Amino acid sequence: MKKLKLITIMLAIAAFIGIQACSEEPGIGGNAHIHGTVVEHHEDGGGDDHSGIAGALVHIWYGQADATGDPNDQITTDVSGGFEFENLTKGDYFLHAEFEDDHEGALELKEGTAHVVIETKSQEVEVELEVE
């Protein structure tokens, strides 16, 4: 009888864990990726719109379509302006990029945002975050 009770309890715990794994919220724990490049937007058409910005800070919010509250994670872009957030689950994500541009001796904060939706467990999303 004790053995049957123990087996029943173990099955209940396994079922609970399985249900929790199936009802994932956006965030870490999946196989999806968001990767991209932070680029500078030029209103006048000057400059190369597709050269990446090294050292830009990219924030990410899980399960949101805007920047409400503190970000869940952040990363600094590599030398070519690239960034990647890995192991994400399905759902909404909001990205915000920023960097300080030294424009003629004065620092100017430039920012850009993007709303990203991951629709499948192993989706790979590419984003070009334009800052101005």
N, C-alpha and C. Protein backbone atom coordinates (compact mmCIF):
# COMPACT_ATOMS: atom_id res chain seq x y z
N MET A 1 0.81 -1.19 0.00
CA MET A 1 0.00 0.00 0.00
C MET A 1 0.86 1.26 0.00
N LYS A 2 1.95 1.27 0.82
CA LYS A 2 2.84 2.41 0.85
C LYS A 2 3.49 2.63 -0.51
N LYS A 3 3.81 1.52 -1.18
CA LYS A 3 4.44 1.61 -2.50
C LYS A 3 3.47 2.25 -3.50
N LEU A 4 2.19 1.89 -3.43
CA LEU A 4 1.17 2.46 -4.32
C LEU A 4 1.00 3.94 -4.06
N LYS A 5 1.02 4.37 -2.80
CA LYS A 5 0.90 5.78 -2.46
C LYS A 5 2.09 6.56 -3.01
N LEU A 6 3.28 6.00 -2.84
CA LEU A 6 4.50 6.65 -3.32
C LEU A 6 4.46 6.80 -4.84
N ILE A 7 4.03 5.77 -5.55
CA ILE A 7 3.93 5.83 -7.01
C ILE A 7 2.90 6.88 -7.41
N THR A 8 1.77 6.95 -6.73
CA THR A 8 0.73 7.93 -7.03
C THR A 8 1.25 9.34 -6.83
N ILE A 9 1.97 9.58 -5.75
CA ILE A 9 2.54 10.91 -5.49
C ILE A 9 3.56 11.27 -6.56
N MET A 10 4.41 10.31 -6.94
CA MET A 10 5.42 10.59 -7.97
C MET A 10 4.78 10.90 -9.31
N LEU A 11 3.70 10.19 -9.66
CA LEU A 11 2.99 10.47 -10.90
C LEU A 11 2.34 11.84 -10.87
N ALA A 12 1.79 12.22 -9.73
CA ALA A 12 1.17 13.54 -9.59
C ALA A 12 2.21 14.65 -9.77
N ILE A 13 3.38 14.46 -9.17
CA ILE A 13 4.46 15.46 -9.31
C ILE A 13 4.91 15.53 -10.76
N ALA A 14 5.08 14.39 -11.42
CA ALA A 14 5.50 14.38 -12.83
C ALA A 14 4.46 15.07 -13.71
N ALA A 15 3.19 14.83 -13.45
CA ALA A 15 2.13 15.47 -14.23
C ALA A 15 2.15 16.98 -14.02
N PHE A 16 2.36 17.43 -12.80
CA PHE A 16 2.42 18.86 -12.50
C PHE A 16 3.58 19.52 -13.23
N ILE A 17 4.74 18.88 -13.20
CA ILE A 17 5.92 19.41 -13.90
C ILE A 17 5.66 19.45 -15.40
N GLY A 18 5.02 18.43 -15.95
CA GLY A 18 4.70 18.41 -17.38
C GLY A 18 3.76 19.52 -17.77
N ILE A 19 2.76 19.79 -16.95
CA ILE A 19 1.82 20.88 -17.23
C ILE A 19 2.54 22.22 -17.19
N GLN A 20 3.41 22.41 -16.22
CA GLN A 20 4.16 23.66 -16.12
C GLN A 20 5.06 23.86 -17.35
N ALA A 21 5.66 22.79 -17.84
CA ALA A 21 6.54 22.90 -19.00
C ALA A 21 5.76 23.23 -20.26
N CYS A 22 4.50 22.80 -20.35
CA CYS A 22 3.70 23.07 -21.54
C CYS A 22 3.15 24.49 -21.55
N SER A 23 3.05 25.12 -20.41
CA SER A 23 2.47 26.47 -20.35
C SER A 23 3.57 27.50 -20.14
N GLU A 24 4.57 27.49 -21.02
CA GLU A 24 5.69 28.41 -20.90
C GLU A 24 5.25 29.84 -21.18
N GLU A 25 5.82 30.74 -20.42
CA GLU A 25 5.64 32.15 -20.68
C GLU A 25 6.84 32.63 -21.47
N PRO A 26 6.72 33.77 -22.15
CA PRO A 26 7.88 34.28 -22.89
C PRO A 26 9.09 34.43 -21.96
N GLY A 27 10.24 34.13 -22.50
CA GLY A 27 11.48 34.25 -21.72
C GLY A 27 12.43 33.11 -22.01
N ILE A 28 13.32 32.87 -21.09
CA ILE A 28 14.36 31.86 -21.23
C ILE A 28 13.75 30.47 -21.05
N GLY A 29 14.26 29.50 -21.81
CA GLY A 29 13.82 28.12 -21.64
C GLY A 29 13.43 27.44 -22.94
N GLY A 30 13.48 28.14 -24.04
CA GLY A 30 13.10 27.55 -25.32
C GLY A 30 14.28 27.41 -26.26
N ASN A 31 13.97 27.22 -27.54
CA ASN A 31 15.00 27.05 -28.57
C ASN A 31 15.00 28.17 -29.59
N ALA A 32 14.18 29.19 -29.39
CA ALA A 32 14.09 30.29 -30.36
C ALA A 32 15.20 31.32 -30.10
N HIS A 33 15.50 32.11 -31.14
CA HIS A 33 16.55 33.13 -31.06
C HIS A 33 16.06 34.42 -31.68
N ILE A 34 16.49 35.53 -31.12
CA ILE A 34 16.34 36.83 -31.77
C ILE A 34 17.76 37.34 -31.97
N HIS A 35 18.12 37.61 -33.22
CA HIS A 35 19.44 38.17 -33.49
C HIS A 35 19.29 39.28 -34.50
N GLY A 36 20.27 40.16 -34.53
CA GLY A 36 20.17 41.27 -35.47
C GLY A 36 21.35 42.19 -35.38
N THR A 37 21.14 43.38 -35.93
CA THR A 37 22.17 44.40 -35.99
C THR A 37 21.56 45.74 -35.62
N VAL A 38 22.30 46.52 -34.85
CA VAL A 38 21.90 47.89 -34.55
C VAL A 38 22.58 48.77 -35.58
N VAL A 39 21.78 49.55 -36.31
CA VAL A 39 22.29 50.43 -37.36
C VAL A 39 21.80 51.85 -37.12
N GLU A 40 22.50 52.81 -37.68
CA GLU A 40 22.12 54.21 -37.52
C GLU A 40 21.29 54.67 -38.71
N HIS A 41 20.19 55.34 -38.41
CA HIS A 41 19.33 55.92 -39.43
C HIS A 41 19.83 57.32 -39.76
N HIS A 42 19.90 57.64 -41.06
CA HIS A 42 20.32 58.97 -41.50
C HIS A 42 19.16 59.62 -42.24
N GLU A 43 18.59 60.66 -41.64
CA GLU A 43 17.44 61.37 -42.23
C GLU A 43 17.76 61.93 -43.61
N ASP A 44 18.97 62.44 -43.76
CA ASP A 44 19.33 63.10 -45.02
C ASP A 44 19.86 62.13 -46.07
N GLY A 45 19.88 60.84 -45.74
CA GLY A 45 20.38 59.85 -46.70
C GLY A 45 21.88 59.73 -46.68
N GLY A 46 22.56 60.52 -45.84
CA GLY A 46 24.01 60.46 -45.76
C GLY A 46 24.47 59.26 -44.97
N GLY A 47 25.65 58.81 -45.21
CA GLY A 47 26.21 57.69 -44.45
C GLY A 47 25.69 56.36 -44.95
N ASP A 48 26.24 55.32 -44.38
CA ASP A 48 25.86 53.95 -44.75
C ASP A 48 24.82 53.44 -43.75
N ASP A 49 23.56 53.34 -44.16
CA ASP A 49 22.48 52.93 -43.28
C ASP A 49 22.61 51.49 -42.78
N HIS A 50 23.49 50.71 -43.37
CA HIS A 50 23.55 49.31 -42.99
C HIS A 50 24.84 48.93 -42.27
N SER A 51 25.67 49.92 -41.89
CA SER A 51 26.85 49.57 -41.10
C SER A 51 26.45 49.50 -39.64
N GLY A 52 26.85 48.41 -38.99
CA GLY A 52 26.45 48.19 -37.60
C GLY A 52 27.17 49.10 -36.63
N ILE A 53 26.56 49.30 -35.47
CA ILE A 53 27.12 50.15 -34.42
C ILE A 53 27.66 49.27 -33.30
N ALA A 54 28.97 49.27 -33.16
CA ALA A 54 29.60 48.49 -32.09
C ALA A 54 29.38 49.19 -30.75
N GLY A 55 29.18 48.39 -29.70
CA GLY A 55 29.07 48.94 -28.35
C GLY A 55 27.71 49.50 -27.98
N ALA A 56 26.70 49.31 -28.84
CA ALA A 56 25.35 49.76 -28.48
C ALA A 56 24.77 48.80 -27.45
N LEU A 57 23.94 49.31 -26.56
CA LEU A 57 23.30 48.49 -25.54
C LEU A 57 21.90 48.12 -26.00
N VAL A 58 21.58 46.82 -25.99
CA VAL A 58 20.26 46.33 -26.41
C VAL A 58 19.59 45.69 -25.20
N HIS A 59 18.42 46.22 -24.84
CA HIS A 59 17.61 45.70 -23.72
C HIS A 59 16.48 44.85 -24.30
N ILE A 60 16.03 43.84 -23.53
CA ILE A 60 14.90 43.02 -23.95
C ILE A 60 13.92 42.86 -22.78
N TRP A 61 12.63 42.97 -23.12
CA TRP A 61 11.54 42.73 -22.17
C TRP A 61 10.80 41.49 -22.64
N TYR A 62 10.60 40.51 -21.76
CA TYR A 62 9.88 39.28 -22.08
C TYR A 62 8.38 39.49 -21.90
N GLY A 63 7.58 39.00 -22.85
CA GLY A 63 6.13 39.02 -22.73
C GLY A 63 5.52 40.39 -22.83
N GLN A 64 6.17 41.31 -23.51
CA GLN A 64 5.68 42.68 -23.59
C GLN A 64 5.81 43.23 -25.00
N ALA A 65 4.92 44.17 -25.32
CA ALA A 65 4.97 44.86 -26.61
C ALA A 65 5.50 46.27 -26.45
N ASP A 66 5.94 46.63 -25.23
CA ASP A 66 6.52 47.94 -24.98
C ASP A 66 7.51 47.83 -23.82
N ALA A 67 8.12 48.95 -23.47
CA ALA A 67 9.16 48.97 -22.44
C ALA A 67 8.58 49.36 -21.08
N THR A 68 7.71 48.52 -20.54
CA THR A 68 7.14 48.77 -19.23
C THR A 68 7.99 48.08 -18.17
N GLY A 69 8.40 48.83 -17.15
CA GLY A 69 9.21 48.25 -16.09
C GLY A 69 10.66 48.07 -16.51
N ASP A 70 11.38 47.31 -15.71
CA ASP A 70 12.79 47.06 -15.98
C ASP A 70 12.94 45.96 -17.03
N PRO A 71 13.98 46.06 -17.88
CA PRO A 71 14.21 44.98 -18.86
C PRO A 71 14.60 43.68 -18.16
N ASN A 72 14.34 42.57 -18.85
CA ASN A 72 14.70 41.25 -18.32
C ASN A 72 16.15 40.90 -18.58
N ASP A 73 16.73 41.49 -19.62
CA ASP A 73 18.11 41.17 -19.97
C ASP A 73 18.65 42.29 -20.85
N GLN A 74 19.96 42.30 -21.03
CA GLN A 74 20.59 43.26 -21.94
C GLN A 74 21.89 42.67 -22.45
N ILE A 75 22.32 43.21 -23.58
CA ILE A 75 23.57 42.76 -24.19
C ILE A 75 24.19 43.94 -24.94
N THR A 76 25.49 43.93 -25.07
CA THR A 76 26.21 44.96 -25.82
C THR A 76 26.55 44.39 -27.20
N THR A 77 26.34 45.20 -28.24
CA THR A 77 26.60 44.72 -29.60
C THR A 77 28.10 44.49 -29.82
N ASP A 78 28.38 43.54 -30.72
CA ASP A 78 29.76 43.21 -31.04
C ASP A 78 30.35 44.26 -31.99
N VAL A 79 31.55 44.01 -32.49
CA VAL A 79 32.25 45.00 -33.34
C VAL A 79 31.52 45.32 -34.63
N SER A 80 30.63 44.42 -35.08
CA SER A 80 29.88 44.70 -36.32
C SER A 80 28.46 45.16 -36.02
N GLY A 81 28.16 45.43 -34.74
CA GLY A 81 26.82 45.89 -34.37
C GLY A 81 25.84 44.77 -34.12
N GLY A 82 26.32 43.53 -34.12
CA GLY A 82 25.44 42.37 -33.97
C GLY A 82 25.10 42.06 -32.52
N PHE A 83 23.94 41.43 -32.34
CA PHE A 83 23.51 40.98 -31.01
C PHE A 83 22.66 39.72 -31.17
N GLU A 84 22.52 38.96 -30.08
CA GLU A 84 21.68 37.76 -30.11
C GLU A 84 21.18 37.44 -28.71
N PHE A 85 19.88 37.15 -28.62
CA PHE A 85 19.27 36.63 -27.41
C PHE A 85 18.84 35.20 -27.74
N GLU A 86 19.33 34.24 -26.97
CA GLU A 86 19.11 32.82 -27.27
C GLU A 86 18.18 32.17 -26.25
N ASN A 87 17.77 30.94 -26.58
CA ASN A 87 17.00 30.08 -25.69
C ASN A 87 15.68 30.71 -25.25
N LEU A 88 15.00 31.38 -26.18
CA LEU A 88 13.74 32.04 -25.88
C LEU A 88 12.56 31.13 -26.20
N THR A 89 11.43 31.39 -25.57
CA THR A 89 10.19 30.66 -25.83
C THR A 89 9.28 31.49 -26.72
N LYS A 90 8.14 30.91 -27.13
CA LYS A 90 7.17 31.64 -27.93
C LYS A 90 6.63 32.83 -27.14
N GLY A 91 6.28 33.91 -27.86
CA GLY A 91 5.67 35.05 -27.20
C GLY A 91 6.15 36.39 -27.74
N ASP A 92 5.74 37.45 -27.04
CA ASP A 92 6.09 38.82 -27.41
C ASP A 92 7.38 39.24 -26.71
N TYR A 93 8.19 40.01 -27.43
CA TYR A 93 9.42 40.56 -26.88
C TYR A 93 9.55 42.00 -27.37
N PHE A 94 10.08 42.86 -26.52
CA PHE A 94 10.31 44.25 -26.90
C PHE A 94 11.79 44.53 -26.77
N LEU A 95 12.37 45.12 -27.81
CA LEU A 95 13.80 45.45 -27.84
C LEU A 95 13.98 46.95 -27.87
N HIS A 96 14.98 47.42 -27.15
CA HIS A 96 15.33 48.84 -27.15
C HIS A 96 16.85 48.93 -27.24
N ALA A 97 17.32 49.66 -28.25
CA ALA A 97 18.77 49.85 -28.43
C ALA A 97 19.12 51.31 -28.18
N GLU A 98 20.30 51.51 -27.61
CA GLU A 98 20.76 52.88 -27.38
C GLU A 98 22.28 52.94 -27.43
N PHE A 99 22.78 54.09 -27.85
CA PHE A 99 24.22 54.34 -27.80
C PHE A 99 24.44 55.84 -27.78
N GLU A 100 25.60 56.23 -27.26
CA GLU A 100 25.95 57.64 -27.22
C GLU A 100 26.89 57.92 -28.38
N ASP A 101 26.46 58.80 -29.25
CA ASP A 101 27.22 59.18 -30.43
C ASP A 101 28.00 60.46 -30.13
N ASP A 102 29.30 60.41 -30.37
CA ASP A 102 30.12 61.60 -30.17
C ASP A 102 30.04 62.44 -31.43
N HIS A 103 29.13 63.41 -31.41
CA HIS A 103 28.88 64.26 -32.58
C HIS A 103 29.52 65.62 -32.34
N GLU A 104 30.65 65.85 -32.99
CA GLU A 104 31.39 67.10 -32.90
C GLU A 104 31.68 67.48 -31.45
N GLY A 105 32.14 66.50 -30.68
CA GLY A 105 32.55 66.76 -29.30
C GLY A 105 31.43 66.74 -28.28
N ALA A 106 30.20 66.57 -28.71
CA ALA A 106 29.07 66.51 -27.77
C ALA A 106 28.42 65.14 -27.88
N LEU A 107 28.19 64.51 -26.72
CA LEU A 107 27.54 63.20 -26.72
C LEU A 107 26.05 63.35 -26.96
N GLU A 108 25.55 62.54 -27.88
CA GLU A 108 24.12 62.57 -28.23
C GLU A 108 23.58 61.15 -28.10
N LEU A 109 22.52 60.98 -27.29
CA LEU A 109 21.91 59.68 -27.10
C LEU A 109 21.03 59.35 -28.30
N LYS A 110 21.26 58.20 -28.91
CA LYS A 110 20.45 57.75 -30.03
C LYS A 110 19.78 56.45 -29.63
N GLU A 111 18.49 56.30 -29.99
CA GLU A 111 17.71 55.15 -29.55
C GLU A 111 16.85 54.60 -30.68
N GLY A 112 16.47 53.33 -30.54
CA GLY A 112 15.57 52.68 -31.47
C GLY A 112 14.89 51.51 -30.79
N THR A 113 13.69 51.14 -31.26
CA THR A 113 12.94 50.05 -30.63
C THR A 113 12.35 49.11 -31.68
N ALA A 114 11.97 47.92 -31.22
CA ALA A 114 11.30 46.95 -32.09
C ALA A 114 10.47 46.01 -31.23
N HIS A 115 9.29 45.66 -31.73
CA HIS A 115 8.43 44.66 -31.10
C HIS A 115 8.59 43.39 -31.93
N VAL A 116 8.91 42.28 -31.28
CA VAL A 116 9.14 41.01 -31.97
C VAL A 116 8.21 39.95 -31.39
N VAL A 117 7.62 39.14 -32.27
CA VAL A 117 6.77 38.04 -31.83
C VAL A 117 7.39 36.73 -32.31
N ILE A 118 7.65 35.84 -31.36
CA ILE A 118 8.15 34.50 -31.70
C ILE A 118 6.94 33.58 -31.71
N GLU A 119 6.70 32.93 -32.84
CA GLU A 119 5.49 32.13 -33.02
C GLU A 119 5.69 30.63 -32.90
N THR A 120 6.94 30.16 -33.04
CA THR A 120 7.20 28.73 -32.92
C THR A 120 8.34 28.50 -31.93
N LYS A 121 8.44 27.26 -31.45
CA LYS A 121 9.43 26.94 -30.41
C LYS A 121 10.88 27.12 -30.86
N SER A 122 11.13 26.94 -32.16
CA SER A 122 12.52 27.00 -32.61
C SER A 122 12.74 28.09 -33.66
N GLN A 123 11.91 29.12 -33.64
CA GLN A 123 12.00 30.19 -34.63
C GLN A 123 13.25 31.03 -34.41
N GLU A 124 13.81 31.48 -35.53
CA GLU A 124 14.95 32.38 -35.50
C GLU A 124 14.49 33.70 -36.13
N VAL A 125 14.54 34.78 -35.37
CA VAL A 125 14.05 36.08 -35.84
C VAL A 125 15.23 37.02 -36.03
N GLU A 126 15.30 37.65 -37.21
CA GLU A 126 16.35 38.62 -37.46
C GLU A 126 15.74 40.02 -37.43
N VAL A 127 16.42 40.92 -36.71
CA VAL A 127 15.92 42.29 -36.51
C VAL A 127 17.01 43.28 -36.88
N GLU A 128 16.63 44.33 -37.60
CA GLU A 128 17.53 45.45 -37.80
C GLU A 128 16.98 46.59 -36.95
N LEU A 129 17.66 46.89 -35.86
CA LEU A 129 17.24 47.95 -34.94
C LEU A 129 17.85 49.26 -35.42
N GLU A 130 17.00 50.17 -35.85
CA GLU A 130 17.46 51.45 -36.38
C GLU A 130 17.40 52.49 -35.28
N VAL A 131 18.51 53.15 -35.02
CA VAL A 131 18.56 54.21 -34.00
C VAL A 131 18.72 55.56 -34.68
N GLU A 132 18.10 56.55 -34.07
CA GLU A 132 18.22 57.92 -34.59
C GLU A 132 18.28 58.92 -33.47
